[in-house]
Amino acid sequence: MRVTAPTTSSDSITSYPVARELAEHSDVGELFVRSLIRSQLRLAVVVASGFLIILVGIPVLITVFPIINTWTIATVPVPWLLLGLGIYPLVISCGALYVRSAGRIEQRFRDLVDDR
């Protein structure tokens, strides 16, 4: 059994698609584009801030706990390993997080703009 609402006069009014708003450079279209740009900027600031906090945190950790300077792995000092090898996975993971999240934001915008 399927329950449906009766057709009203407001159902027959055609909607004004977002794609048309964007094409006509209307105030509503500009609002959507500004919203997309703000979302992308917010994402970039969050990812960059997180990256910088962790990047600055490694030397601070080494300074606060000087015992780390005495540790070695295969005759290589641990601070060198942290600064030399520990940064690359951080850069790659921040980049992957940014690309995935930016793609998700753009997909939501495309879904909004889609005429269907």
PDB file of N, CA and C in Angstrom:
ATOM      1  N   MET A   1       0.835  -1.162   0.000  1.00  0.00           N
ATOM      2  CA  MET A   1       0.000   0.000   0.000  1.00  0.00           C
ATOM      3  C   MET A   1       0.887   1.234   0.000  1.00  0.00           C
ATOM      4  N   ARG A   2       0.539   2.222  -0.755  1.00  0.00           N
ATOM      5  CA  ARG A   2       1.337   3.427  -0.888  1.00  0.00           C
ATOM      6  C   ARG A   2       0.484   4.629  -0.506  1.00  0.00           C
ATOM      7  N   VAL A   3       1.035   5.466   0.334  1.00  0.00           N
ATOM      8  CA  VAL A   3       0.319   6.657   0.779  1.00  0.00           C
ATOM      9  C   VAL A   3       0.923   7.858   0.059  1.00  0.00           C
ATOM     10  N   THR A   4       0.066   8.621  -0.585  1.00  0.00           N
ATOM     11  CA  THR A   4       0.541   9.823  -1.267  1.00  0.00           C
ATOM     12  C   THR A   4      -0.340  10.993  -0.895  1.00  0.00           C
ATOM     13  N   ALA A   5       0.223  12.169  -1.026  1.00  0.00           N
ATOM     14  CA  ALA A   5      -0.543  13.383  -0.734  1.00  0.00           C
ATOM     15  C   ALA A   5      -1.290  13.791  -1.989  1.00  0.00           C
ATOM     16  N   PRO A   6      -2.426  14.409  -1.829  1.00  0.00           N
ATOM     17  CA  PRO A   6      -3.165  14.861  -3.004  1.00  0.00           C
ATOM     18  C   PRO A   6      -2.404  15.981  -3.708  1.00  0.00           C
ATOM     19  N   THR A   7      -2.571  16.054  -4.994  1.00  0.00           N
ATOM     20  CA  THR A   7      -1.901  17.080  -5.779  1.00  0.00           C
ATOM     21  C   THR A   7      -2.536  18.428  -5.478  1.00  0.00           C
ATOM     22  N   THR A   8      -1.685  19.393  -5.181  1.00  0.00           N
ATOM     23  CA  THR A   8      -2.176  20.744  -4.905  1.00  0.00           C
ATOM     24  C   THR A   8      -1.689  21.677  -5.990  1.00  0.00           C
ATOM     25  N   SER A   9      -2.170  22.882  -5.968  1.00  0.00           N
ATOM     26  CA  SER A   9      -1.772  23.839  -6.997  1.00  0.00           C
ATOM     27  C   SER A   9      -0.308  24.220  -6.864  1.00  0.00           C
ATOM     28  N   SER A  10       0.273  24.132  -5.670  1.00  0.00           N
ATOM     29  CA  SER A  10       1.679  24.492  -5.496  1.00  0.00           C
ATOM     30  C   SER A  10       2.610  23.448  -6.109  1.00  0.00           C
ATOM     31  N   ASP A  11       2.128  22.207  -6.281  1.00  0.00           N
ATOM     32  CA  ASP A  11       2.950  21.172  -6.900  1.00  0.00           C
ATOM     33  C   ASP A  11       3.180  21.451  -8.373  1.00  0.00           C
ATOM     34  N   SER A  12       2.316  22.189  -8.993  1.00  0.00           N
ATOM     35  CA  SER A  12       2.447  22.425 -10.424  1.00  0.00           C
ATOM     36  C   SER A  12       3.408  23.564 -10.729  1.00  0.00           C
ATOM     37  N   ILE A  13       3.845  24.303  -9.726  1.00  0.00           N
ATOM     38  CA  ILE A  13       4.787  25.393  -9.944  1.00  0.00           C
ATOM     39  C   ILE A  13       6.159  24.786 -10.205  1.00  0.00           C
ATOM     40  N   THR A  14       6.797  25.208 -11.284  1.00  0.00           N
ATOM     41  CA  THR A  14       8.115  24.682 -11.606  1.00  0.00           C
ATOM     42  C   THR A  14       9.157  25.354 -10.728  1.00  0.00           C
ATOM     43  N   SER A  15      10.150  24.579 -10.368  1.00  0.00           N
ATOM     44  CA  SER A  15      11.207  25.129  -9.530  1.00  0.00           C
ATOM     45  C   SER A  15      12.216  25.864 -10.408  1.00  0.00           C
ATOM     46  N   TYR A  16      12.907  26.781  -9.793  1.00  0.00           N
ATOM     47  CA  TYR A  16      13.928  27.556 -10.488  1.00  0.00           C
ATOM     48  C   TYR A  16      15.261  26.901 -10.172  1.00  0.00           C
ATOM     49  N   PRO A  17      15.847  26.162 -11.094  1.00  0.00           N
ATOM     50  CA  PRO A  17      17.038  25.367 -10.766  1.00  0.00           C
ATOM     51  C   PRO A  17      18.249  26.241 -10.419  1.00  0.00           C
ATOM     52  N   VAL A  18      19.090  25.673  -9.570  1.00  0.00           N
ATOM     53  CA  VAL A  18      20.291  26.366  -9.133  1.00  0.00           C
ATOM     54  C   VAL A  18      21.229  26.598 -10.309  1.00  0.00           C
ATOM     55  N   ALA A  19      21.279  25.656 -11.248  1.00  0.00           N
ATOM     56  CA  ALA A  19      22.156  25.817 -12.410  1.00  0.00           C
ATOM     57  C   ALA A  19      21.777  27.068 -13.194  1.00  0.00           C
ATOM     58  N   ARG A  20      20.495  27.334 -13.275  1.00  0.00           N
ATOM     59  CA  ARG A  20      20.044  28.537 -13.982  1.00  0.00           C
ATOM     60  C   ARG A  20      20.458  29.788 -13.214  1.00  0.00           C
ATOM     61  N   GLU A  21      20.371  29.722 -11.882  1.00  0.00           N
ATOM     62  CA  GLU A  21      20.812  30.844 -11.051  1.00  0.00           C
ATOM     63  C   GLU A  21      22.294  31.138 -11.287  1.00  0.00           C
ATOM     64  N   LEU A  22      23.098  30.071 -11.387  1.00  0.00           N
ATOM     65  CA  LEU A  22      24.531  30.249 -11.615  1.00  0.00           C
ATOM     66  C   LEU A  22      24.800  30.814 -13.003  1.00  0.00           C
ATOM     67  N   ALA A  23      24.080  30.303 -14.004  1.00  0.00           N
ATOM     68  CA  ALA A  23      24.289  30.757 -15.377  1.00  0.00           C
ATOM     69  C   ALA A  23      23.905  32.220 -15.549  1.00  0.00           C
ATOM     70  N   GLU A  24      22.893  32.660 -14.831  1.00  0.00           N
ATOM     71  CA  GLU A  24      22.436  34.044 -14.957  1.00  0.00           C
ATOM     72  C   GLU A  24      23.188  35.001 -14.033  1.00  0.00           C
ATOM     73  N   HIS A  25      24.128  34.492 -13.267  1.00  0.00           N
ATOM     74  CA  HIS A  25      24.926  35.296 -12.334  1.00  0.00           C
ATOM     75  C   HIS A  25      24.029  36.117 -11.408  1.00  0.00           C
ATOM     76  N   SER A  26      23.005  35.485 -10.908  1.00  0.00           N
ATOM     77  CA  SER A  26      22.081  36.172 -10.000  1.00  0.00           C
ATOM     78  C   SER A  26      22.674  36.203  -8.592  1.00  0.00           C
ATOM     79  N   ASP A  27      22.002  36.911  -7.711  1.00  0.00           N
ATOM     80  CA  ASP A  27      22.465  36.995  -6.320  1.00  0.00           C
ATOM     81  C   ASP A  27      22.456  35.633  -5.648  1.00  0.00           C
ATOM     82  N   VAL A  28      21.468  34.830  -5.957  1.00  0.00           N
ATOM     83  CA  VAL A  28      21.388  33.491  -5.369  1.00  0.00           C
ATOM     84  C   VAL A  28      22.547  32.622  -5.871  1.00  0.00           C
ATOM     85  N   GLY A  29      22.831  32.697  -7.169  1.00  0.00           N
ATOM     86  CA  GLY A  29      23.951  31.944  -7.725  1.00  0.00           C
ATOM     87  C   GLY A  29      25.272  32.362  -7.116  1.00  0.00           C
ATOM     88  N   GLU A  30      25.461  33.670  -6.943  1.00  0.00           N
ATOM     89  CA  GLU A  30      26.690  34.154  -6.313  1.00  0.00           C
ATOM     90  C   GLU A  30      26.789  33.685  -4.867  1.00  0.00           C
ATOM     91  N   LEU A  31      25.652  33.602  -4.197  1.00  0.00           N
ATOM     92  CA  LEU A  31      25.633  33.100  -2.829  1.00  0.00           C
ATOM     93  C   LEU A  31      26.102  31.648  -2.770  1.00  0.00           C
ATOM     94  N   PHE A  32      25.639  30.824  -3.707  1.00  0.00           N
ATOM     95  CA  PHE A  32      26.064  29.423  -3.750  1.00  0.00           C
ATOM     96  C   PHE A  32      27.556  29.307  -4.026  1.00  0.00           C
ATOM     97  N   VAL A  33      28.069  30.108  -4.951  1.00  0.00           N
ATOM     98  CA  VAL A  33      29.490  30.049  -5.279  1.00  0.00           C
ATOM     99  C   VAL A  33      30.330  30.526  -4.098  1.00  0.00           C
ATOM    100  N   ARG A  34      29.906  31.600  -3.449  1.00  0.00           N
ATOM    101  CA  ARG A  34      30.637  32.078  -2.266  1.00  0.00           C
ATOM    102  C   ARG A  34      30.632  31.026  -1.159  1.00  0.00           C
ATOM    103  N   SER A  35      29.530  30.326  -1.017  1.00  0.00           N
ATOM    104  CA  SER A  35      29.448  29.265  -0.021  1.00  0.00           C
ATOM    105  C   SER A  35      30.438  28.139  -0.338  1.00  0.00           C
ATOM    106  N   LEU A  36      30.531  27.783  -1.607  1.00  0.00           N
ATOM    107  CA  LEU A  36      31.504  26.755  -2.015  1.00  0.00           C
ATOM    108  C   LEU A  36      32.924  27.223  -1.726  1.00  0.00           C
ATOM    109  N   ILE A  37      33.235  28.454  -2.072  1.00  0.00           N
ATOM    110  CA  ILE A  37      34.581  28.980  -1.849  1.00  0.00           C
ATOM    111  C   ILE A  37      34.892  29.035  -0.354  1.00  0.00           C
ATOM    112  N   ARG A  38      33.914  29.460   0.462  1.00  0.00           N
ATOM    113  CA  ARG A  38      34.121  29.489   1.912  1.00  0.00           C
ATOM    114  C   ARG A  38      34.377  28.099   2.472  1.00  0.00           C
ATOM    115  N   SER A  39      33.643  27.120   1.976  1.00  0.00           N
ATOM    116  CA  SER A  39      33.846  25.743   2.446  1.00  0.00           C
ATOM    117  C   SER A  39      35.236  25.242   2.091  1.00  0.00           C
ATOM    118  N   GLN A  40      35.673  25.534   0.865  1.00  0.00           N
ATOM    119  CA  GLN A  40      37.011  25.107   0.436  1.00  0.00           C
ATOM    120  C   GLN A  40      38.095  25.822   1.250  1.00  0.00           C
ATOM    121  N   LEU A  41      37.900  27.110   1.505  1.00  0.00           N
ATOM    122  CA  LEU A  41      38.874  27.861   2.298  1.00  0.00           C
ATOM    123  C   LEU A  41      38.940  27.341   3.723  1.00  0.00           C
ATOM    124  N   ARG A  42      37.782  27.072   4.314  1.00  0.00           N
ATOM    125  CA  ARG A  42      37.742  26.534   5.677  1.00  0.00           C
ATOM    126  C   ARG A  42      38.477  25.197   5.741  1.00  0.00           C
ATOM    127  N   LEU A  43      38.252  24.342   4.762  1.00  0.00           N
ATOM    128  CA  LEU A  43      38.938  23.051   4.726  1.00  0.00           C
ATOM    129  C   LEU A  43      40.447  23.239   4.622  1.00  0.00           C
ATOM    130  N   ALA A  44      40.887  24.137   3.742  1.00  0.00           N
ATOM    131  CA  ALA A  44      42.322  24.378   3.572  1.00  0.00           C
ATOM    132  C   ALA A  44      42.952  24.896   4.862  1.00  0.00           C
ATOM    133  N   VAL A  45      42.268  25.805   5.543  1.00  0.00           N
ATOM    134  CA  VAL A  45      42.807  26.359   6.790  1.00  0.00           C
ATOM    135  C   VAL A  45      42.880  25.283   7.873  1.00  0.00           C
ATOM    136  N   VAL A  46      41.873  24.438   7.971  1.00  0.00           N
ATOM    137  CA  VAL A  46      41.868  23.380   8.983  1.00  0.00           C
ATOM    138  C   VAL A  46      42.988  22.374   8.725  1.00  0.00           C
ATOM    139  N   VAL A  47      43.140  21.939   7.491  1.00  0.00           N
ATOM    140  CA  VAL A  47      44.180  20.957   7.174  1.00  0.00           C
ATOM    141  C   VAL A  47      45.566  21.571   7.362  1.00  0.00           C
ATOM    142  N   ALA A  48      45.765  22.801   6.899  1.00  0.00           N
ATOM    143  CA  ALA A  48      47.070  23.453   7.061  1.00  0.00           C
ATOM    144  C   ALA A  48      47.385  23.700   8.530  1.00  0.00           C
ATOM    145  N   SER A  49      46.393  24.096   9.308  1.00  0.00           N
ATOM    146  CA  SER A  49      46.620  24.323  10.739  1.00  0.00           C
ATOM    147  C   SER A  49      46.995  23.027  11.446  1.00  0.00           C
ATOM    148  N   GLY A  50      46.270  21.968  11.151  1.00  0.00           N
ATOM    149  CA  GLY A  50      46.604  20.675  11.745  1.00  0.00           C
ATOM    150  C   GLY A  50      48.004  20.223  11.379  1.00  0.00           C
ATOM    151  N   PHE A  51      48.361  20.406  10.116  1.00  0.00           N
ATOM    152  CA  PHE A  51      49.701  20.042   9.665  1.00  0.00           C
ATOM    153  C   PHE A  51      50.763  20.852  10.404  1.00  0.00           C
ATOM    154  N   LEU A  52      50.560  22.156  10.511  1.00  0.00           N
ATOM    155  CA  LEU A  52      51.549  23.005  11.177  1.00  0.00           C
ATOM    156  C   LEU A  52      51.663  22.698  12.669  1.00  0.00           C
ATOM    157  N   ILE A  53      50.548  22.402  13.303  1.00  0.00           N
ATOM    158  CA  ILE A  53      50.596  22.069  14.733  1.00  0.00           C
ATOM    159  C   ILE A  53      51.425  20.811  14.961  1.00  0.00           C
ATOM    160  N   ILE A  54      51.205  19.805  14.139  1.00  0.00           N
ATOM    161  CA  ILE A  54      51.983  18.570  14.286  1.00  0.00           C
ATOM    162  C   ILE A  54      53.440  18.801  13.906  1.00  0.00           C
ATOM    163  N   LEU A  55      53.659  19.582  12.842  1.00  0.00           N
ATOM    164  CA  LEU A  55      55.025  19.859  12.394  1.00  0.00           C
ATOM    165  C   LEU A  55      55.816  20.621  13.457  1.00  0.00           C
ATOM    166  N   VAL A  56      55.205  21.589  14.091  1.00  0.00           N
ATOM    167  CA  VAL A  56      55.868  22.340  15.158  1.00  0.00           C
ATOM    168  C   VAL A  56      55.946  21.502  16.428  1.00  0.00           C
ATOM    169  N   GLY A  57      55.014  20.601  16.607  1.00  0.00           N
ATOM    170  CA  GLY A  57      54.993  19.770  17.803  1.00  0.00           C
ATOM    171  C   GLY A  57      56.171  18.818  17.921  1.00  0.00           C
ATOM    172  N   ILE A  58      56.701  18.371  16.802  1.00  0.00           N
ATOM    173  CA  ILE A  58      57.834  17.431  16.849  1.00  0.00           C
ATOM    174  C   ILE A  58      59.074  18.084  17.463  1.00  0.00           C
ATOM    175  N   PRO A  59      59.515  19.259  16.995  1.00  0.00           N
ATOM    176  CA  PRO A  59      60.667  19.885  17.670  1.00  0.00           C
ATOM    177  C   PRO A  59      60.386  20.275  19.117  1.00  0.00           C
ATOM    178  N   VAL A  60      59.137  20.674  19.398  1.00  0.00           N
ATOM    179  CA  VAL A  60      58.782  21.004  20.786  1.00  0.00           C
ATOM    180  C   VAL A  60      58.893  19.758  21.663  1.00  0.00           C
ATOM    181  N   LEU A  61      58.422  18.619  21.148  1.00  0.00           N
ATOM    182  CA  LEU A  61      58.527  17.359  21.878  1.00  0.00           C
ATOM    183  C   LEU A  61      59.993  17.016  22.161  1.00  0.00           C
ATOM    184  N   ILE A  62      60.837  17.213  21.176  1.00  0.00           N
ATOM    185  CA  ILE A  62      62.260  16.909  21.351  1.00  0.00           C
ATOM    186  C   ILE A  62      62.891  17.861  22.363  1.00  0.00           C
ATOM    187  N   THR A  63      62.450  19.116  22.376  1.00  0.00           N
ATOM    188  CA  THR A  63      62.990  20.097  23.320  1.00  0.00           C
ATOM    189  C   THR A  63      62.500  19.838  24.741  1.00  0.00           C
ATOM    190  N   VAL A  64      61.234  19.506  24.882  1.00  0.00           N
ATOM    191  CA  VAL A  64      60.658  19.283  26.215  1.00  0.00           C
ATOM    192  C   VAL A  64      61.205  18.003  26.848  1.00  0.00           C
ATOM    193  N   PHE A  65      61.405  16.985  26.056  1.00  0.00           N
ATOM    194  CA  PHE A  65      61.942  15.714  26.555  1.00  0.00           C
ATOM    195  C   PHE A  65      63.325  15.469  25.953  1.00  0.00           C
ATOM    196  N   PRO A  66      64.382  16.033  26.549  1.00  0.00           N
ATOM    197  CA  PRO A  66      65.722  15.903  25.974  1.00  0.00           C
ATOM    198  C   PRO A  66      66.263  14.470  25.985  1.00  0.00           C
ATOM    199  N   ILE A  67      65.621  13.578  26.710  1.00  0.00           N
ATOM    200  CA  ILE A  67      66.054  12.173  26.712  1.00  0.00           C
ATOM    201  C   ILE A  67      65.942  11.570  25.325  1.00  0.00           C
ATOM    202  N   ILE A  68      65.020  12.113  24.521  1.00  0.00           N
ATOM    203  CA  ILE A  68      64.840  11.596  23.157  1.00  0.00           C
ATOM    204  C   ILE A  68      66.119  11.783  22.345  1.00  0.00           C
ATOM    205  N   ASN A  69      66.901  12.825  22.652  1.00  0.00           N
ATOM    206  CA  ASN A  69      68.140  13.066  21.908  1.00  0.00           C
ATOM    207  C   ASN A  69      69.162  11.950  22.096  1.00  0.00           C
ATOM    208  N   THR A  70      69.042  11.167  23.153  1.00  0.00           N
ATOM    209  CA  THR A  70      70.012  10.103  23.406  1.00  0.00           C
ATOM    210  C   THR A  70      69.615   8.786  22.754  1.00  0.00           C
ATOM    211  N   TRP A  71      68.387   8.663  22.315  1.00  0.00           N
ATOM    212  CA  TRP A  71      67.918   7.418  21.712  1.00  0.00           C
ATOM    213  C   TRP A  71      68.433   7.302  20.280  1.00  0.00           C
ATOM    214  N   THR A  72      68.757   6.062  19.896  1.00  0.00           N
ATOM    215  CA  THR A  72      69.182   5.794  18.518  1.00  0.00           C
ATOM    216  C   THR A  72      68.527   4.511  18.029  1.00  0.00           C
ATOM    217  N   ILE A  73      68.314   4.456  16.735  1.00  0.00           N
ATOM    218  CA  ILE A  73      67.833   3.239  16.073  1.00  0.00           C
ATOM    219  C   ILE A  73      68.792   2.973  14.926  1.00  0.00           C
ATOM    220  N   ALA A  74      69.495   1.854  15.022  1.00  0.00           N
ATOM    221  CA  ALA A  74      70.500   1.488  14.021  1.00  0.00           C
ATOM    222  C   ALA A  74      71.496   2.628  13.837  1.00  0.00           C
ATOM    223  N   THR A  75      71.993   3.146  14.909  1.00  0.00           N
ATOM    224  CA  THR A  75      72.971   4.234  15.009  1.00  0.00           C
ATOM    225  C   THR A  75      72.482   5.579  14.446  1.00  0.00           C
ATOM    226  N   VAL A  76      71.207   5.693  14.146  1.00  0.00           N
ATOM    227  CA  VAL A  76      70.645   6.957  13.669  1.00  0.00           C
ATOM    228  C   VAL A  76      69.853   7.566  14.829  1.00  0.00           C
ATOM    229  N   PRO A  77      70.130   8.818  15.173  1.00  0.00           N
ATOM    230  CA  PRO A  77      69.394   9.448  16.281  1.00  0.00           C
ATOM    231  C   PRO A  77      67.887   9.537  15.980  1.00  0.00           C
ATOM    232  N   VAL A  78      67.081   9.254  17.004  1.00  0.00           N
ATOM    233  CA  VAL A  78      65.626   9.270  16.851  1.00  0.00           C
ATOM    234  C   VAL A  78      65.100  10.637  16.396  1.00  0.00           C
ATOM    235  N   PRO A  79      65.637  11.770  16.894  1.00  0.00           N
ATOM    236  CA  PRO A  79      65.141  13.056  16.376  1.00  0.00           C
ATOM    237  C   PRO A  79      65.321  13.196  14.868  1.00  0.00           C
ATOM    238  N   TRP A  80      66.400  12.687  14.338  1.00  0.00           N
ATOM    239  CA  TRP A  80      66.605  12.741  12.883  1.00  0.00           C
ATOM    240  C   TRP A  80      65.540  11.905  12.173  1.00  0.00           C
ATOM    241  N   LEU A  81      65.264  10.728  12.727  1.00  0.00           N
ATOM    242  CA  LEU A  81      64.238   9.881  12.122  1.00  0.00           C
ATOM    243  C   LEU A  81      62.859  10.547  12.174  1.00  0.00           C
ATOM    244  N   LEU A  82      62.556  11.160  13.335  1.00  0.00           N
ATOM    245  CA  LEU A  82      61.275  11.846  13.454  1.00  0.00           C
ATOM    246  C   LEU A  82      61.149  12.990  12.453  1.00  0.00           C
ATOM    247  N   LEU A  83      62.191  13.796  12.353  1.00  0.00           N
ATOM    248  CA  LEU A  83      62.141  14.948  11.460  1.00  0.00           C
ATOM    249  C   LEU A  83      62.330  14.560   9.996  1.00  0.00           C
ATOM    250  N   GLY A  84      63.126  13.547   9.750  1.00  0.00           N
ATOM    251  CA  GLY A  84      63.406  13.164   8.360  1.00  0.00           C
ATOM    252  C   GLY A  84      62.377  12.227   7.765  1.00  0.00           C
ATOM    253  N   LEU A  85      62.040  11.164   8.488  1.00  0.00           N
ATOM    254  CA  LEU A  85      61.117  10.158   7.948  1.00  0.00           C
ATOM    255  C   LEU A  85      59.691  10.340   8.446  1.00  0.00           C
ATOM    256  N   GLY A  86      59.519  10.964   9.576  1.00  0.00           N
ATOM    257  CA  GLY A  86      58.185  11.113  10.137  1.00  0.00           C
ATOM    258  C   GLY A  86      57.342  12.168   9.448  1.00  0.00           C
ATOM    259  N   ILE A  87      57.981  13.085   8.746  1.00  0.00           N
ATOM    260  CA  ILE A  87      57.259  14.167   8.088  1.00  0.00           C
ATOM    261  C   ILE A  87      56.552  13.688   6.827  1.00  0.00           C
ATOM    262  N   TYR A  88      57.164  12.774   6.083  1.00  0.00           N
ATOM    263  CA  TYR A  88      56.578  12.355   4.799  1.00  0.00           C
ATOM    264  C   TYR A  88      55.216  11.682   4.935  1.00  0.00           C
ATOM    265  N   PRO A  89      55.033  10.759   5.873  1.00  0.00           N
ATOM    266  CA  PRO A  89      53.677  10.218   6.045  1.00  0.00           C
ATOM    267  C   PRO A  89      52.682  11.296   6.466  1.00  0.00           C
ATOM    268  N   LEU A  90      53.124  12.281   7.233  1.00  0.00           N
ATOM    269  CA  LEU A  90      52.258  13.381   7.635  1.00  0.00           C
ATOM    270  C   LEU A  90      51.828  14.208   6.423  1.00  0.00           C
ATOM    271  N   VAL A  91      52.761  14.528   5.564  1.00  0.00           N
ATOM    272  CA  VAL A  91      52.448  15.304   4.356  1.00  0.00           C
ATOM    273  C   VAL A  91      51.488  14.527   3.459  1.00  0.00           C
ATOM    274  N   ILE A  92      51.761  13.250   3.261  1.00  0.00           N
ATOM    275  CA  ILE A  92      50.916  12.428   2.387  1.00  0.00           C
ATOM    276  C   ILE A  92      49.514  12.278   2.975  1.00  0.00           C
ATOM    277  N   SER A  93      49.418  12.046   4.282  1.00  0.00           N
ATOM    278  CA  SER A  93      48.087  11.877   4.875  1.00  0.00           C
ATOM    279  C   SER A  93      47.304  13.188   4.877  1.00  0.00           C
ATOM    280  N   CYS A  94      47.952  14.321   5.116  1.00  0.00           N
ATOM    281  CA  CYS A  94      47.260  15.613   5.046  1.00  0.00           C
ATOM    282  C   CYS A  94      46.793  15.892   3.624  1.00  0.00           C
ATOM    283  N   GLY A  95      47.632  15.580   2.642  1.00  0.00           N
ATOM    284  CA  GLY A  95      47.242  15.768   1.243  1.00  0.00           C
ATOM    285  C   GLY A  95      46.069  14.881   0.861  1.00  0.00           C
ATOM    286  N   ALA A  96      46.105  13.623   1.273  1.00  0.00           N
ATOM    287  CA  ALA A  96      45.006  12.704   0.962  1.00  0.00           C
ATOM    288  C   ALA A  96      43.711  13.140   1.648  1.00  0.00           C
ATOM    289  N   LEU A  97      43.810  13.587   2.895  1.00  0.00           N
ATOM    290  CA  LEU A  97      42.637  14.080   3.611  1.00  0.00           C
ATOM    291  C   LEU A  97      42.040  15.289   2.898  1.00  0.00           C
ATOM    292  N   TYR A  98      42.899  16.204   2.459  1.00  0.00           N
ATOM    293  CA  TYR A  98      42.420  17.401   1.779  1.00  0.00           C
ATOM    294  C   TYR A  98      41.740  17.055   0.455  1.00  0.00           C
ATOM    295  N   VAL A  99      42.365  16.208  -0.330  1.00  0.00           N
ATOM    296  CA  VAL A  99      41.798  15.853  -1.641  1.00  0.00           C
ATOM    297  C   VAL A  99      40.459  15.150  -1.471  1.00  0.00           C
ATOM    298  N   ARG A 100      40.374  14.220  -0.532  1.00  0.00           N
ATOM    299  CA  ARG A 100      39.120  13.493  -0.318  1.00  0.00           C
ATOM    300  C   ARG A 100      38.013  14.428   0.174  1.00  0.00           C
ATOM    301  N   SER A 101      38.346  15.296   1.121  1.00  0.00           N
ATOM    302  CA  SER A 101      37.342  16.216   1.651  1.00  0.00           C
ATOM    303  C   SER A 101      36.933  17.267   0.630  1.00  0.00           C
ATOM    304  N   ALA A 102      37.880  17.774  -0.146  1.00  0.00           N
ATOM    305  CA  ALA A 102      37.555  18.758  -1.181  1.00  0.00           C
ATOM    306  C   ALA A 102      36.673  18.122  -2.251  1.00  0.00           C
ATOM    307  N   GLY A 103      36.949  16.890  -2.596  1.00  0.00           N
ATOM    308  CA  GLY A 103      36.096  16.178  -3.551  1.00  0.00           C
ATOM    309  C   GLY A 103      34.687  15.999  -3.029  1.00  0.00           C
ATOM    310  N   ARG A 104      34.560  15.730  -1.743  1.00  0.00           N
ATOM    311  CA  ARG A 104      33.239  15.568  -1.139  1.00  0.00           C
ATOM    312  C   ARG A 104      32.465  16.891  -1.162  1.00  0.00           C
ATOM    313  N   ILE A 105      33.151  17.993  -0.876  1.00  0.00           N
ATOM    314  CA  ILE A 105      32.505  19.310  -0.911  1.00  0.00           C
ATOM    315  C   ILE A 105      32.055  19.640  -2.329  1.00  0.00           C
ATOM    316  N   GLU A 106      32.916  19.392  -3.299  1.00  0.00           N
ATOM    317  CA  GLU A 106      32.558  19.680  -4.692  1.00  0.00           C
ATOM    318  C   GLU A 106      31.429  18.784  -5.177  1.00  0.00           C
ATOM    319  N   GLN A 107      31.396  17.535  -4.725  1.00  0.00           N
ATOM    320  CA  GLN A 107      30.312  16.633  -5.122  1.00  0.00           C
ATOM    321  C   GLN A 107      28.976  17.112  -4.559  1.00  0.00           C
ATOM    322  N   ARG A 108      28.975  17.582  -3.313  1.00  0.00           N
ATOM    323  CA  ARG A 108      27.748  18.134  -2.743  1.00  0.00           C
ATOM    324  C   ARG A 108      27.278  19.355  -3.523  1.00  0.00           C
ATOM    325  N   PHE A 109      28.228  20.179  -3.971  1.00  0.00           N
ATOM    326  CA  PHE A 109      27.864  21.355  -4.764  1.00  0.00           C
ATOM    327  C   PHE A 109      27.297  20.926  -6.117  1.00  0.00           C
ATOM    328  N   ARG A 110      27.937  19.931  -6.747  1.00  0.00           N
ATOM    329  CA  ARG A 110      27.423  19.423  -8.035  1.00  0.00           C
ATOM    330  C   ARG A 110      26.040  18.819  -7.881  1.00  0.00           C
ATOM    331  N   ASP A 111      25.808  18.104  -6.788  1.00  0.00           N
ATOM    332  CA  ASP A 111      24.475  17.543  -6.539  1.00  0.00           C
ATOM    333  C   ASP A 111      23.440  18.652  -6.376  1.00  0.00           C
ATOM    334  N   LEU A 112      23.840  19.742  -5.760  1.00  0.00           N
ATOM    335  CA  LEU A 112      22.944  20.873  -5.581  1.00  0.00           C
ATOM    336  C   LEU A 112      22.633  21.555  -6.909  1.00  0.00           C
ATOM    337  N   VAL A 113      23.656  21.680  -7.751  1.00  0.00           N
ATOM    338  CA  VAL A 113      23.499  22.379  -9.028  1.00  0.00           C
ATOM    339  C   VAL A 113      22.810  21.516 -10.062  1.00  0.00           C
ATOM    340  N   ASP A 114      22.882  20.198  -9.900  1.00  0.00           N
ATOM    341  CA  ASP A 114      22.305  19.293 -10.883  1.00  0.00           C
ATOM    342  C   ASP A 114      20.820  19.590 -11.072  1.00  0.00           C
ATOM    343  N   ASP A 115      20.352  19.625 -12.312  1.00  0.00           N
ATOM    344  CA  ASP A 115      18.986  19.995 -12.638  1.00  0.00           C
ATOM    345  C   ASP A 115      17.962  18.916 -12.292  1.00  0.00           C
ATOM    346  N   ARG A 116      18.402  17.711 -12.044  1.00  0.00           N
ATOM    347  CA  ARG A 116      17.450  16.628 -11.779  1.00  0.00           C
ATOM    348  C   ARG A 116      16.695  16.829 -10.529  1.00  0.00           C
TER     349      ARG A 116
END
